[in-house]
């Protein structure tokens, strides 16, 4: 079973949805036969790498609310995150551009390290308050995930993996992704948003059953007529 997940590292519900999917997979008897692939999606492709605005000020401007209302909304999300063991520190989160982080994540995928790097990018943003658009910070986090710092800096200094990121973003548009997280199972089943762990668990079981358990064949023979056949023992003559 293959699960493709379109998400952004600075999307709180992507982090929550990721954790709920992981919880569901822990309960899934066939978890060792499931491949999870993370796909690129930028919530704000035009965001600056560096800004003097707080996350709450950015949210207030985006949603047309006050800073205090933005803080309240963030508190509500942090409470949801806590239910799955995530420690969101929105007061420390730094708004930034995630394109280069996505490029390095594609490099990490080529090295078999994309799942760990995705987790570390999200933790760095939501809990540690690091700027994951900054090249030095990206390199530091990538090294923690087991990547070679020089190779990461080489990717960041050029245009490496730009096309891979753009291709995945284009795929999201083609299949009608309006928001993230967005999960696609076996290229034919979709789950939108940070659904509950129970919903993910039910989906995993349903897809596994439909994809792997052969349905009994329904006979279209004339009623009561077996029809002539041949077998290892010979033919009906």
C-alpha atoms as a PDB file:
ATOM      1  CA  UNK A   1       0.000   0.000   0.000  1.00  0.00           C
ATOM      2  CA  UNK A   2       1.324   3.436  -0.925  1.00  0.00           C
ATOM      3  CA  UNK A   3       0.224   6.625   0.839  1.00  0.00           C
ATOM      4  CA  UNK A   4       1.200   9.952  -0.731  1.00  0.00           C
ATOM      5  CA  UNK A   5       0.946  12.937   1.598  1.00  0.00           C
ATOM      6  CA  UNK A   6       0.920  16.491   0.283  1.00  0.00           C
ATOM      7  CA  UNK A   7       1.936  18.823   3.103  1.00  0.00           C
ATOM      8  CA  UNK A   8       3.967  21.839   4.140  1.00  0.00           C
ATOM      9  CA  UNK A   9       6.384  21.952   7.057  1.00  0.00           C
ATOM     10  CA  UNK A  10       4.766  25.102   8.506  1.00  0.00           C
ATOM     11  CA  UNK A  11       1.217  23.739   8.293  1.00  0.00           C
ATOM     12  CA  UNK A  12       0.025  22.832  11.812  1.00  0.00           C
ATOM     13  CA  UNK A  13      -2.687  20.470  10.623  1.00  0.00           C
ATOM     14  CA  UNK A  14      -0.148  18.704   8.400  1.00  0.00           C
ATOM     15  CA  UNK A  15       1.857  17.905  11.518  1.00  0.00           C
ATOM     16  CA  UNK A  16      -1.240  16.814  13.429  1.00  0.00           C
ATOM     17  CA  UNK A  17      -2.503  14.748  10.489  1.00  0.00           C
ATOM     18  CA  UNK A  18       0.914  13.143  10.106  1.00  0.00           C
ATOM     19  CA  UNK A  19       0.914  12.080  13.737  1.00  0.00           C
ATOM     20  CA  UNK A  20      -2.640  10.701  13.553  1.00  0.00           C
ATOM     21  CA  UNK A  21      -1.751   8.696  10.451  1.00  0.00           C
ATOM     22  CA  UNK A  22       1.262   7.318  12.293  1.00  0.00           C
ATOM     23  CA  UNK A  23      -0.942   6.341  15.224  1.00  0.00           C
ATOM     24  CA  UNK A  24      -3.301   4.533  12.853  1.00  0.00           C
ATOM     25  CA  UNK A  25      -0.404   2.745  11.186  1.00  0.00           C
ATOM     26  CA  UNK A  26       0.818   1.493  14.571  1.00  0.00           C
ATOM     27  CA  UNK A  27      -2.543  -0.278  14.947  1.00  0.00           C
ATOM     28  CA  UNK A  28      -2.557  -1.595  11.380  1.00  0.00           C
ATOM     29  CA  UNK A  29      -1.574  -5.280  11.109  1.00  0.00           C
ATOM     30  CA  UNK A  30      -0.005  -4.751   7.679  1.00  0.00           C
ATOM     31  CA  UNK A  31       1.983  -1.613   8.547  1.00  0.00           C
ATOM     32  CA  UNK A  32       5.236  -3.146   7.285  1.00  0.00           C
ATOM     33  CA  UNK A  33       3.722  -3.263   3.808  1.00  0.00           C
ATOM     34  CA  UNK A  34       2.799   0.438   3.760  1.00  0.00           C
ATOM     35  CA  UNK A  35       4.995   3.047   2.098  1.00  0.00           C
ATOM     36  CA  UNK A  36       4.415   6.687   3.089  1.00  0.00           C
ATOM     37  CA  UNK A  37       5.714   9.277   0.612  1.00  0.00           C
ATOM     38  CA  UNK A  38       5.742  12.990   1.441  1.00  0.00           C
ATOM     39  CA  UNK A  39       4.939  15.407  -1.378  1.00  0.00           C
ATOM     40  CA  UNK A  40       5.697  19.127  -1.606  1.00  0.00           C
ATOM     41  CA  UNK A  41       3.070  21.812  -1.115  1.00  0.00           C
ATOM     42  CA  UNK A  42       3.743  25.470  -0.234  1.00  0.00           C
ATOM     43  CA  UNK A  43       1.055  27.252   1.746  1.00  0.00           C
ATOM     44  CA  UNK A  44       2.549  30.608   0.795  1.00  0.00           C
ATOM     45  CA  UNK A  45       4.987  30.440  -2.129  1.00  0.00           C
ATOM     46  CA  UNK A  46       5.435  34.219  -1.922  1.00  0.00           C
ATOM     47  CA  UNK A  47       6.462  34.277   1.733  1.00  0.00           C
ATOM     48  CA  UNK A  48       9.786  35.895   2.610  1.00  0.00           C
ATOM     49  CA  UNK A  49      12.545  33.841   4.180  1.00  0.00           C
ATOM     50  CA  UNK A  50      13.028  36.588   6.773  1.00  0.00           C
ATOM     51  CA  UNK A  51      10.371  38.861   8.260  1.00  0.00           C
ATOM     52  CA  UNK A  52      10.097  41.151  11.242  1.00  0.00           C
ATOM     53  CA  UNK A  53       6.487  40.049  11.826  1.00  0.00           C
ATOM     54  CA  UNK A  54       5.449  37.465  14.384  1.00  0.00           C
ATOM     55  CA  UNK A  55       3.405  34.442  13.360  1.00  0.00           C
ATOM     56  CA  UNK A  56       0.372  35.989  15.057  1.00  0.00           C
ATOM     57  CA  UNK A  57       0.761  39.201  13.049  1.00  0.00           C
ATOM     58  CA  UNK A  58       1.027  37.215   9.812  1.00  0.00           C
ATOM     59  CA  UNK A  59      -2.082  35.183  10.685  1.00  0.00           C
ATOM     60  CA  UNK A  60      -4.026  38.290  11.684  1.00  0.00           C
ATOM     61  CA  UNK A  61      -3.233  39.903   8.347  1.00  0.00           C
ATOM     62  CA  UNK A  62      -4.078  36.752   6.398  1.00  0.00           C
ATOM     63  CA  UNK A  63      -7.443  36.125   8.061  1.00  0.00           C
ATOM     64  CA  UNK A  64      -8.431  39.725   8.683  1.00  0.00           C
ATOM     65  CA  UNK A  65      -8.530  39.345  12.472  1.00  0.00           C
ATOM     66  CA  UNK A  66      -6.820  40.971  15.414  1.00  0.00           C
ATOM     67  CA  UNK A  67      -3.535  39.684  16.791  1.00  0.00           C
ATOM     68  CA  UNK A  68      -5.364  38.563  19.931  1.00  0.00           C
ATOM     69  CA  UNK A  69      -7.848  36.570  17.862  1.00  0.00           C
ATOM     70  CA  UNK A  70      -4.949  34.997  15.965  1.00  0.00           C
ATOM     71  CA  UNK A  71      -3.411  33.974  19.294  1.00  0.00           C
ATOM     72  CA  UNK A  72      -6.684  32.408  20.393  1.00  0.00           C
ATOM     73  CA  UNK A  73      -6.983  30.443  17.164  1.00  0.00           C
ATOM     74  CA  UNK A  74      -3.418  29.249  17.592  1.00  0.00           C
ATOM     75  CA  UNK A  75      -4.087  28.204  21.184  1.00  0.00           C
ATOM     76  CA  UNK A  76      -6.976  26.051  19.986  1.00  0.00           C
ATOM     77  CA  UNK A  77      -4.731  24.355  17.415  1.00  0.00           C
ATOM     78  CA  UNK A  78      -2.019  23.828  20.036  1.00  0.00           C
ATOM     79  CA  UNK A  79      -4.555  22.051  22.237  1.00  0.00           C
ATOM     80  CA  UNK A  80      -5.414  19.702  19.364  1.00  0.00           C
ATOM     81  CA  UNK A  81      -1.725  19.070  18.785  1.00  0.00           C
ATOM     82  CA  UNK A  82      -1.203  18.190  22.439  1.00  0.00           C
ATOM     83  CA  UNK A  83      -3.714  15.333  22.151  1.00  0.00           C
ATOM     84  CA  UNK A  84      -1.281  13.531  19.824  1.00  0.00           C
ATOM     85  CA  UNK A  85       1.834  14.388  21.798  1.00  0.00           C
ATOM     86  CA  UNK A  86       2.936  17.472  19.870  1.00  0.00           C
ATOM     87  CA  UNK A  87       4.210  20.571  21.668  1.00  0.00           C
ATOM     88  CA  UNK A  88       3.351  23.590  19.523  1.00  0.00           C
ATOM     89  CA  UNK A  89       5.034  26.813  20.663  1.00  0.00           C
ATOM     90  CA  UNK A  90       3.393  29.290  18.312  1.00  0.00           C
ATOM     91  CA  UNK A  91       4.842  32.254  20.176  1.00  0.00           C
ATOM     92  CA  UNK A  92       8.287  31.092  18.998  1.00  0.00           C
ATOM     93  CA  UNK A  93       7.352  29.963  15.468  1.00  0.00           C
ATOM     94  CA  UNK A  94       9.051  31.979  12.730  1.00  0.00           C
ATOM     95  CA  UNK A  95       7.115  32.657   9.496  1.00  0.00           C
ATOM     96  CA  UNK A  96       9.287  31.848   6.478  1.00  0.00           C
ATOM     97  CA  UNK A  97       9.442  30.509   2.940  1.00  0.00           C
ATOM     98  CA  UNK A  98       9.645  26.710   2.742  1.00  0.00           C
ATOM     99  CA  UNK A  99      10.704  26.176  -0.877  1.00  0.00           C
ATOM    100  CA  UNK A 100      14.351  25.423  -0.073  1.00  0.00           C
ATOM    101  CA  UNK A 101      13.329  23.097   2.762  1.00  0.00           C
ATOM    102  CA  UNK A 102      11.190  21.204   0.255  1.00  0.00           C
ATOM    103  CA  UNK A 103      14.132  20.993  -2.149  1.00  0.00           C
ATOM    104  CA  UNK A 104      16.329  19.482   0.541  1.00  0.00           C
ATOM    105  CA  UNK A 105      13.502  17.094   1.464  1.00  0.00           C
ATOM    106  CA  UNK A 106      13.548  15.790  -2.117  1.00  0.00           C
ATOM    107  CA  UNK A 107      17.306  15.312  -1.798  1.00  0.00           C
ATOM    108  CA  UNK A 108      16.669  13.490   1.489  1.00  0.00           C
ATOM    109  CA  UNK A 109      14.176  11.232  -0.278  1.00  0.00           C
ATOM    110  CA  UNK A 110      16.904  10.171  -2.687  1.00  0.00           C
ATOM    111  CA  UNK A 111      18.943   9.220   0.383  1.00  0.00           C
ATOM    112  CA  UNK A 112      16.087   7.436   2.154  1.00  0.00           C
ATOM    113  CA  UNK A 113      15.879  10.123   4.842  1.00  0.00           C
ATOM    114  CA  UNK A 114      12.786  12.126   3.866  1.00  0.00           C
ATOM    115  CA  UNK A 115      10.486  10.819   6.606  1.00  0.00           C
ATOM    116  CA  UNK A 116      12.947  11.684   9.355  1.00  0.00           C
ATOM    117  CA  UNK A 117      13.748  15.070   7.814  1.00  0.00           C
ATOM    118  CA  UNK A 118      10.045  15.936   7.497  1.00  0.00           C
ATOM    119  CA  UNK A 119       9.597  15.219  11.200  1.00  0.00           C
ATOM    120  CA  UNK A 120      12.647  17.303  12.113  1.00  0.00           C
ATOM    121  CA  UNK A 121      11.596  20.276   9.968  1.00  0.00           C
ATOM    122  CA  UNK A 122       8.169  20.324  11.604  1.00  0.00           C
ATOM    123  CA  UNK A 123       9.611  19.986  15.103  1.00  0.00           C
ATOM    124  CA  UNK A 124      12.117  22.753  14.407  1.00  0.00           C
ATOM    125  CA  UNK A 125       9.370  25.107  13.247  1.00  0.00           C
ATOM    126  CA  UNK A 126       6.583  24.379  15.711  1.00  0.00           C
ATOM    127  CA  UNK A 127       8.491  23.515  18.885  1.00  0.00           C
ATOM    128  CA  UNK A 128      12.013  24.899  18.656  1.00  0.00           C
ATOM    129  CA  UNK A 129      11.153  28.170  16.920  1.00  0.00           C
ATOM    130  CA  UNK A 130      13.789  27.845  14.190  1.00  0.00           C
ATOM    131  CA  UNK A 131      13.693  29.537  10.813  1.00  0.00           C
ATOM    132  CA  UNK A 132      13.498  26.590   8.432  1.00  0.00           C
ATOM    133  CA  UNK A 133      13.915  28.881   5.440  1.00  0.00           C
ATOM    134  CA  UNK A 134      17.430  29.853   6.522  1.00  0.00           C
ATOM    135  CA  UNK A 135      20.113  27.840   4.716  1.00  0.00           C
ATOM    136  CA  UNK A 136      22.325  27.360   7.752  1.00  0.00           C
ATOM    137  CA  UNK A 137      19.360  26.158   9.771  1.00  0.00           C
ATOM    138  CA  UNK A 138      18.215  23.820   7.002  1.00  0.00           C
ATOM    139  CA  UNK A 139      21.719  22.344   6.810  1.00  0.00           C
ATOM    140  CA  UNK A 140      21.895  21.885  10.569  1.00  0.00           C
ATOM    141  CA  UNK A 141      18.546  20.091  10.658  1.00  0.00           C
ATOM    142  CA  UNK A 142      19.468  17.946   7.645  1.00  0.00           C
ATOM    143  CA  UNK A 143      22.687  16.869   9.358  1.00  0.00           C
ATOM    144  CA  UNK A 144      20.661  15.838  12.405  1.00  0.00           C
ATOM    145  CA  UNK A 145      18.640  13.627  10.047  1.00  0.00           C
ATOM    146  CA  UNK A 146      21.823  11.921   8.872  1.00  0.00           C
ATOM    147  CA  UNK A 147      22.575  13.850   5.684  1.00  0.00           C
ATOM    148  CA  UNK A 148      25.994  15.181   4.718  1.00  0.00           C
ATOM    149  CA  UNK A 149      26.204  18.917   5.337  1.00  0.00           C
ATOM    150  CA  UNK A 150      28.368  19.606   2.273  1.00  0.00           C
ATOM    151  CA  UNK A 151      25.910  17.826  -0.011  1.00  0.00           C
ATOM    152  CA  UNK A 152      23.008  19.785   1.483  1.00  0.00           C
ATOM    153  CA  UNK A 153      24.854  23.077   1.000  1.00  0.00           C
ATOM    154  CA  UNK A 154      25.558  22.105  -2.602  1.00  0.00           C
ATOM    155  CA  UNK A 155      21.834  21.561  -3.162  1.00  0.00           C
ATOM    156  CA  UNK A 156      20.955  24.877  -1.536  1.00  0.00           C
ATOM    157  CA  UNK A 157      23.584  26.863  -3.427  1.00  0.00           C
ATOM    158  CA  UNK A 158      22.186  25.791  -6.787  1.00  0.00           C
ATOM    159  CA  UNK A 159      18.843  24.837  -8.289  1.00  0.00           C
ATOM    160  CA  UNK A 160      18.918  21.187  -7.263  1.00  0.00           C
ATOM    161  CA  UNK A 161      15.541  19.461  -6.900  1.00  0.00           C
ATOM    162  CA  UNK A 162      13.586  22.563  -7.924  1.00  0.00           C
ATOM    163  CA  UNK A 163      11.874  20.621 -10.711  1.00  0.00           C
ATOM    164  CA  UNK A 164      10.929  17.785  -8.372  1.00  0.00           C
ATOM    165  CA  UNK A 165       9.213  20.225  -6.013  1.00  0.00           C
ATOM    166  CA  UNK A 166       7.410  22.012  -8.847  1.00  0.00           C
ATOM    167  CA  UNK A 167       6.280  18.703 -10.344  1.00  0.00           C
ATOM    168  CA  UNK A 168       4.719  17.581  -7.059  1.00  0.00           C
ATOM    169  CA  UNK A 169       3.010  20.944  -6.619  1.00  0.00           C
ATOM    170  CA  UNK A 170       1.636  20.637 -10.150  1.00  0.00           C
ATOM    171  CA  UNK A 171       0.384  17.142  -9.355  1.00  0.00           C
ATOM    172  CA  UNK A 172      -1.500  18.576  -6.387  1.00  0.00           C
ATOM    173  CA  UNK A 173      -3.247  21.053  -8.682  1.00  0.00           C
ATOM    174  CA  UNK A 174      -4.065  18.341 -11.208  1.00  0.00           C
ATOM    175  CA  UNK A 175      -5.833  16.151  -8.654  1.00  0.00           C
ATOM    176  CA  UNK A 176      -7.677  19.102  -7.141  1.00  0.00           C
ATOM    177  CA  UNK A 177      -5.883  19.590  -3.834  1.00  0.00           C
ATOM    178  CA  UNK A 178      -7.367  22.712  -2.252  1.00  0.00           C
ATOM    179  CA  UNK A 179      -5.640  22.450   1.105  1.00  0.00           C
ATOM    180  CA  UNK A 180      -3.246  20.291   3.068  1.00  0.00           C
ATOM    181  CA  UNK A 181      -2.701  17.779   4.475  1.00  0.00           C
ATOM    182  CA  UNK A 182      -4.031  15.695   1.607  1.00  0.00           C
ATOM    183  CA  UNK A 183      -3.553  11.935   1.540  1.00  0.00           C
ATOM    184  CA  UNK A 184      -3.831   9.691  -1.523  1.00  0.00           C
ATOM    185  CA  UNK A 185      -3.809   5.918  -1.043  1.00  0.00           C
ATOM    186  CA  UNK A 186      -2.821   3.690  -3.962  1.00  0.00           C
ATOM    187  CA  UNK A 187      -3.518   6.577  -6.352  1.00  0.00           C
ATOM    188  CA  UNK A 188      -7.291   6.081  -6.050  1.00  0.00           C
ATOM    189  CA  UNK A 189      -8.485   6.852  -2.502  1.00  0.00           C
ATOM    190  CA  UNK A 190      -8.306  10.344  -0.994  1.00  0.00           C
ATOM    191  CA  UNK A 191      -8.425  11.692   2.549  1.00  0.00           C
ATOM    192  CA  UNK A 192      -8.501  15.443   3.059  1.00  0.00           C
ATOM    193  CA  UNK A 193      -7.429  17.186   6.243  1.00  0.00           C
ATOM    194  CA  UNK A 194      -6.187  16.079   9.651  1.00  0.00           C
ATOM    195  CA  UNK A 195      -8.821  13.412  10.165  1.00  0.00           C
ATOM    196  CA  UNK A 196      -9.072  11.470  13.404  1.00  0.00           C
ATOM    197  CA  UNK A 197      -6.850   8.475  14.095  1.00  0.00           C
ATOM    198  CA  UNK A 198      -9.976   6.313  13.905  1.00  0.00           C
ATOM    199  CA  UNK A 199     -10.775   7.633  10.439  1.00  0.00           C
ATOM    200  CA  UNK A 200      -7.279   6.837   9.212  1.00  0.00           C
ATOM    201  CA  UNK A 201      -7.416   3.378  10.780  1.00  0.00           C
ATOM    202  CA  UNK A 202     -10.762   2.668   9.131  1.00  0.00           C
ATOM    203  CA  UNK A 203      -9.474   3.855   5.774  1.00  0.00           C
ATOM    204  CA  UNK A 204      -6.371   1.667   5.986  1.00  0.00           C
ATOM    205  CA  UNK A 205      -8.423  -1.415   6.738  1.00  0.00           C
ATOM    206  CA  UNK A 206     -11.006  -0.645   4.060  1.00  0.00           C
ATOM    207  CA  UNK A 207      -8.422  -0.062   1.342  1.00  0.00           C
ATOM    208  CA  UNK A 208      -6.430  -3.137   2.328  1.00  0.00           C
ATOM    209  CA  UNK A 209      -9.522  -5.303   2.181  1.00  0.00           C
ATOM    210  CA  UNK A 210     -10.668  -3.922  -1.154  1.00  0.00           C
ATOM    211  CA  UNK A 211      -7.222  -4.113  -2.720  1.00  0.00           C
ATOM    212  CA  UNK A 212      -6.029  -7.442  -1.353  1.00  0.00           C
ATOM    213  CA  UNK A 213      -8.966  -9.710  -0.568  1.00  0.00           C
ATOM    214  CA  UNK A 214     -10.456 -11.313  -3.677  1.00  0.00           C
ATOM    215  CA  UNK A 215     -14.202 -11.059  -3.838  1.00  0.00           C
ATOM    216  CA  UNK A 216     -16.159 -14.296  -4.460  1.00  0.00           C
ATOM    217  CA  UNK A 217     -17.011 -14.610  -8.129  1.00  0.00           C
ATOM    218  CA  UNK A 218     -20.671 -14.429  -9.073  1.00  0.00           C
ATOM    219  CA  UNK A 219     -21.747 -17.093 -11.546  1.00  0.00           C
ATOM    220  CA  UNK A 220     -23.430 -15.885 -14.732  1.00  0.00           C
ATOM    221  CA  UNK A 221     -24.174 -19.432 -15.948  1.00  0.00           C
ATOM    222  CA  UNK A 222     -27.710 -20.378 -16.886  1.00  0.00           C
ATOM    223  CA  UNK A 223     -29.454 -21.523 -13.724  1.00  0.00           C
ATOM    224  CA  UNK A 224     -28.563 -25.113 -12.853  1.00  0.00           C
ATOM    225  CA  UNK A 225     -26.279 -25.525 -15.873  1.00  0.00           C
ATOM    226  CA  UNK A 226     -22.619 -26.224 -15.112  1.00  0.00           C
ATOM    227  CA  UNK A 227     -21.419 -26.231 -18.704  1.00  0.00           C
ATOM    228  CA  UNK A 228     -18.762 -28.401 -20.287  1.00  0.00           C
ATOM    229  CA  UNK A 229     -15.243 -27.999 -18.980  1.00  0.00           C
ATOM    230  CA  UNK A 230     -11.819 -29.575 -19.141  1.00  0.00           C
ATOM    231  CA  UNK A 231      -9.535 -30.229 -16.177  1.00  0.00           C
ATOM    232  CA  UNK A 232      -6.435 -32.257 -15.364  1.00  0.00           C
ATOM    233  CA  UNK A 233      -8.684 -35.305 -15.272  1.00  0.00           C
ATOM    234  CA  UNK A 234      -9.946 -34.770 -18.804  1.00  0.00           C
ATOM    235  CA  UNK A 235     -12.844 -33.088 -20.550  1.00  0.00           C
ATOM    236  CA  UNK A 236     -16.573 -33.497 -20.069  1.00  0.00           C
ATOM    237  CA  UNK A 237     -17.589 -35.545 -23.091  1.00  0.00           C
END
